[in-house]
Protein backbone atom coordinates (compact mmCIF):
# COMPACT_ATOMS: atom_id res chain seq x y z
CA TYR A 1 10.70 1.51 -44.49
CA ASN A 2 13.24 -0.42 -42.17
CA ARG A 3 15.31 2.64 -41.82
CA LEU A 4 12.69 4.81 -40.75
CA ILE A 5 11.06 1.95 -37.91
CA ASP A 6 15.30 2.00 -36.87
CA GLU A 7 15.18 5.85 -36.56
CA LEU A 8 11.57 6.06 -34.64
CA GLU A 9 12.60 3.65 -32.27
CA LYS A 10 16.03 5.63 -31.36
CA SER A 11 13.80 8.82 -31.21
CA VAL A 12 11.69 7.07 -28.53
CA GLN A 13 14.51 6.40 -26.77
CA LYS A 14 15.82 9.40 -27.14
CA LEU A 15 12.62 10.87 -25.67
CA ALA A 16 12.29 8.52 -22.96
CA GLN A 17 15.96 9.24 -21.37
CA SER A 18 15.34 12.86 -22.10
CA GLU A 19 11.86 12.47 -20.14
CA ARG A 20 13.97 10.52 -17.25
CA GLU A 21 16.79 12.77 -17.38
CA SER A 22 13.81 16.09 -16.79
CA ALA A 23 11.90 13.84 -14.04
CA TRP A 24 15.36 13.38 -12.07
CA ARG A 25 16.59 16.98 -12.32
CA GLU A 26 13.49 18.29 -11.19
CA MET A 27 13.49 15.40 -8.07
CA ALA A 28 17.05 17.30 -7.75
CA ARG A 29 15.74 20.69 -7.64
CA GLN A 30 12.85 19.71 -5.15
CA VAL A 31 15.19 17.82 -2.97
CA ALA A 32 17.54 20.73 -2.60
CA HIS A 33 14.49 23.45 -1.67
CA GLU A 34 13.33 21.09 0.92
CA ILE A 35 16.31 20.69 2.20
CA LYS A 36 17.34 24.45 1.92
CA ASN A 37 13.86 25.44 3.95
CA PRO A 38 14.92 24.00 7.56
CA LEU A 39 18.32 25.30 7.25
CA THR A 40 17.42 28.62 7.11
CA PRO A 41 15.88 28.94 10.44
CA MET A 42 18.20 26.90 12.03
CA LYS A 43 21.13 29.26 10.54
CA LEU A 44 18.78 32.16 11.77
CA SER A 45 18.16 30.69 15.20
CA THR A 46 22.13 29.88 15.81
CA GLN A 47 23.23 33.58 15.00
CA TYR A 48 20.11 35.08 17.22
CA LEU A 49 21.52 32.54 20.17
CA LEU A 50 25.21 33.19 19.35
CA LYS A 51 23.97 37.23 19.44
CA SER A 52 21.98 36.55 23.04
CA TRP A 53 25.10 34.64 24.41
CA ASN A 54 27.47 37.39 23.12
CA GLU A 55 25.46 39.85 24.73
CA HIS A 56 24.99 37.98 28.09
CA ALA A 57 20.98 38.04 27.68
CA PRO A 58 19.76 37.26 31.22
CA ASP A 59 17.29 34.78 29.90
CA ILE A 60 19.77 32.98 27.90
CA ASP A 61 19.29 29.56 29.77
CA LEU A 62 15.43 29.88 28.29
CA ARG A 63 16.77 30.90 24.88
CA ILE A 64 19.16 27.94 24.69
CA ASN A 65 16.42 25.77 25.69
CA ASN A 66 13.86 27.10 22.63
CA PHE A 67 16.71 26.86 20.28
CA MET A 68 17.47 23.41 21.26
CA ASN A 69 13.84 22.55 20.42
CA ASN A 70 13.75 24.18 17.19
CA LEU A 71 16.93 22.72 16.23
CA ILE A 72 15.60 19.20 17.20
CA GLU A 73 12.54 19.77 15.25
CA GLN A 74 14.00 20.74 12.36
CA ILE A 75 16.87 17.64 12.28
CA GLU A 76 13.48 15.78 12.52
CA ASN A 77 12.50 17.68 9.31
CA LEU A 78 15.40 16.73 7.49
CA SER A 79 15.68 13.32 8.60
CA ASN A 80 11.48 12.75 7.37
CA ILE A 81 12.94 14.09 3.94
CA ALA A 82 15.77 11.91 3.36
CA SER A 83 13.75 9.19 4.60
CA GLU A 84 11.32 9.84 2.20
CA PHE A 85 13.49 10.31 -0.93
CA SER A 86 15.31 7.15 0.24
CA ASP A 87 11.83 5.11 0.47
CA PHE A 88 10.83 6.03 -2.79
CA ALA A 89 14.45 5.16 -4.50
CA GLN A 90 14.32 2.13 -3.21
CA MET A 91 10.75 1.09 -4.00
CA PRO A 92 11.82 -1.87 -6.27
CA LYS A 93 12.98 -3.86 -3.24
CA THR A 94 10.55 -6.06 -1.91
CA PHE A 95 9.66 -9.62 0.06
CA LYS A 96 6.71 -10.99 -0.99
CA GLU A 97 4.87 -13.43 1.34
CA LYS A 98 1.12 -14.00 1.66
CA LEU A 99 -0.65 -11.56 3.95
CA ASP A 100 -3.83 -11.07 5.76
CA LEU A 101 -5.19 -7.75 4.78
CA VAL A 102 -7.45 -7.66 7.70
CA ASN A 103 -4.39 -7.96 9.75
CA ILE A 104 -2.48 -5.73 7.72
CA ILE A 105 -5.45 -2.77 8.10
CA ASN A 106 -5.94 -3.35 11.70
CA ASN A 107 -2.39 -2.74 12.67
CA SER A 108 -2.21 0.65 11.00
CA ALA A 109 -5.52 1.68 12.22
CA GLU A 110 -4.67 0.99 15.68
CA ILE A 111 -2.62 3.96 15.94
CA PHE A 112 -5.22 6.48 14.72
CA LYS A 113 -7.97 4.94 16.76
CA GLU A 114 -7.38 7.02 20.24
CA ILE A 115 -6.80 10.71 18.39
CA GLU A 116 -9.08 13.08 19.95
CA ASN A 117 -12.07 14.48 17.86
CA ILE A 118 -11.63 11.53 15.33
CA THR A 119 -14.09 8.32 14.61
CA LEU A 120 -12.17 5.54 12.87
CA THR A 121 -14.43 2.95 11.82
CA PHE A 122 -13.42 -0.60 9.82
CA GLU A 123 -15.79 -2.34 7.92
CA TYR A 124 -15.50 -6.07 6.61
CA ASP A 125 -16.82 -9.43 6.47
CA THR A 126 -15.56 -11.39 9.22
CA ASN A 127 -16.93 -14.53 7.35
CA THR A 128 -14.49 -13.91 4.30
CA SER A 129 -10.49 -14.14 4.03
CA PHE A 130 -8.86 -11.34 2.14
CA ASN A 131 -5.30 -12.57 1.44
CA ILE A 132 -2.82 -10.76 -1.16
CA VAL A 133 0.92 -11.50 -2.07
CA ALA A 134 2.74 -8.33 -1.22
CA ASP A 135 5.50 -6.87 0.73
CA LYS A 136 4.11 -6.57 4.53
CA LYS A 137 6.72 -3.45 5.43
CA GLN A 138 5.64 -2.17 2.36
CA MET A 139 1.55 -2.54 2.73
CA LEU A 140 1.50 -1.20 6.49
CA ARG A 141 3.32 1.69 4.80
CA VAL A 142 0.44 2.18 2.32
CA PHE A 143 -2.22 2.31 5.18
CA ASN A 144 -0.13 4.72 7.45
CA ASN A 145 0.32 6.95 4.72
CA LEU A 146 -3.44 7.33 3.26
CA LEU A 147 -5.09 7.21 7.14
CA ASN A 148 -2.43 10.09 8.13
CA ASN A 149 -3.30 11.95 4.86
CA ALA A 150 -6.90 11.33 5.72
CA LEU A 151 -5.91 12.92 9.61
CA GLN A 152 -4.23 15.94 8.31
CA SER A 153 -6.89 17.15 5.36
CA ILE A 154 -9.30 17.41 8.56
CA ALA A 155 -9.52 20.76 10.18
CA LYS A 156 -8.42 20.54 14.31
CA ASP A 157 -12.00 22.19 15.55
CA LYS A 158 -13.85 19.45 12.99
CA LYS A 159 -15.35 15.94 14.21
CA GLY A 160 -13.45 13.54 12.12
CA LEU A 161 -14.68 10.84 10.49
CA ILE A 162 -12.30 8.13 8.53
CA LYS A 163 -14.23 4.94 7.44
CA ILE A 164 -12.26 1.70 5.97
CA LYS A 165 -13.87 -1.00 3.77
CA LEU A 166 -12.73 -3.93 2.85
CA TYR A 167 -14.87 -6.24 0.32
CA LYS A 168 -14.34 -8.58 -3.12
CA ASN A 169 -15.08 -7.51 -6.43
CA ASN A 170 -14.55 -9.66 -9.45
CA GLY A 171 -11.28 -11.35 -8.03
CA PHE A 172 -9.82 -8.68 -6.17
CA ASN A 173 -9.82 -7.38 -2.53
CA VAL A 174 -11.07 -3.90 -2.61
CA ILE A 175 -9.98 -0.96 0.03
CA THR A 176 -11.75 1.98 0.56
CA VAL A 177 -10.30 4.91 2.75
CA GLU A 178 -12.80 7.60 2.80
CA ASP A 179 -12.66 10.89 4.91
CA ASN A 180 -14.64 13.89 5.68
CA GLY A 181 -11.67 16.33 5.60
CA LYS A 182 -11.28 19.39 3.36
CA GLY A 183 -11.23 17.24 -0.18
CA ILE A 184 -8.53 17.71 -3.17
CA GLU A 185 -8.99 21.13 -5.33
CA GLU A 186 -9.76 20.46 -8.94
CA ASP A 187 -6.15 21.46 -10.49
CA GLN A 188 -4.17 19.68 -8.03
CA LYS A 189 -6.22 16.04 -8.87
CA SER A 190 -4.04 15.18 -11.94
CA LYS A 191 -0.82 15.99 -9.56
CA ILE A 192 -1.68 14.22 -6.62
CA PHE A 193 0.26 11.12 -7.38
CA MET A 194 3.38 13.16 -8.72
CA PRO A 195 6.48 12.62 -6.48
CA ASP A 196 7.43 16.12 -6.31
CA PHE A 197 3.55 17.68 -5.36
CA SER A 198 2.81 18.08 -1.98
CA THR A 199 -0.13 20.50 -0.39
CA LYS A 200 1.61 20.41 3.06
CA SER A 201 4.52 22.34 3.94
CA GLY A 202 7.38 20.40 4.91
CA SER A 203 7.02 17.66 3.41
CA MET A 204 8.28 16.54 0.14
CA GLY A 205 5.21 15.05 -1.13
CA LEU A 206 6.83 11.26 -1.77
CA GLY A 207 3.96 9.80 -0.04
CA LEU A 208 1.54 8.89 -2.24
CA ALA A 209 4.05 8.21 -5.26
CA ILE A 210 5.15 5.87 -2.73
CA VAL A 211 1.68 4.28 -2.19
CA LYS A 212 1.10 4.22 -6.02
CA ASN A 213 4.58 2.20 -6.22
CA ILE A 214 4.14 0.09 -3.84
CA ILE A 215 0.07 -1.03 -5.08
CA GLU A 216 1.30 -1.19 -8.80
CA ASN A 217 4.69 -3.77 -7.62
CA ALA A 218 1.71 -5.66 -5.80
CA GLY A 219 -0.36 -6.27 -9.25
CA GLY A 220 -2.81 -3.51 -7.98
CA GLU A 221 -4.33 -0.26 -8.84
CA ILE A 222 -5.12 2.88 -7.02
CA THR A 223 -7.63 5.63 -7.71
CA PHE A 224 -9.45 8.30 -5.61
CA GLU A 225 -12.63 10.23 -5.76
CA SER A 226 -12.72 13.71 -3.96
CA GLU A 227 -15.22 16.59 -3.33
CA THR A 228 -13.96 20.26 -2.17
CA GLY A 229 -15.31 20.68 1.22
CA LYS A 230 -16.84 17.27 1.70
CA GLY A 231 -13.71 14.99 1.82
CA THR A 232 -12.01 12.34 -0.23
CA VAL A 233 -11.95 8.42 -0.60
CA PHE A 234 -9.18 6.39 -2.27
CA ILE A 235 -10.01 3.15 -3.63
CA ILE A 236 -7.36 0.22 -4.01
CA LYS A 237 -7.47 -2.59 -5.69
CA LEU A 238 -5.32 -5.81 -4.72
CA PRO A 239 -5.41 -9.11 -6.28
CA GLU A 240 -6.99 -11.85 -4.14
CA ASN A 241 -4.70 -14.72 -3.26
CA ILE A 242 -6.93 -17.86 -2.15
């Protein structure tokens, strides 16, 4: 019996190691793929500019200007990929302190309030304190990411509505971030928090995986509800700190 238990434990350890290695191999494949995406247009643009220069094109100044703008855009794309991967890899490093959720959410929401065709509201009881213990920068990242996702889910020609609500429930601070965007397709729902999943081009899709890590490291949980064509609501529960 003991021998079987030992063998079972070894098998479980091997399986866990195999799954971790498989996950990192997939992540490495995804990173390589995302890096190659901007490199291809950068190479083609450089070759095109060199050809125009050699042929003394009359509009060479305009072509150089267009090339530089495109190059800067692709470099920023590469920088974002590196930053997202770095953030995901370094997520366990935290500096926890007592935070006021109202201030955190207001700081994040302020950036999005002036966007054209988007109405952002934030509802909470002004007579109630909403305190948590968490890393301030990471919590700001959570709401920046969720609000940015909400914004990107709303069509440019549609009047957007993003509603944030904060309330208490059974010892938890509950935050909901709701949008009237395109929603999440059924076949995508099970993958939405996976680190290599993205419905947006030019992104590694690490945003929601990072959000989930931050929330869980703070002792909370995050879920969502979504209906295609109507919108999505993310629900966050964080332990309250009196």
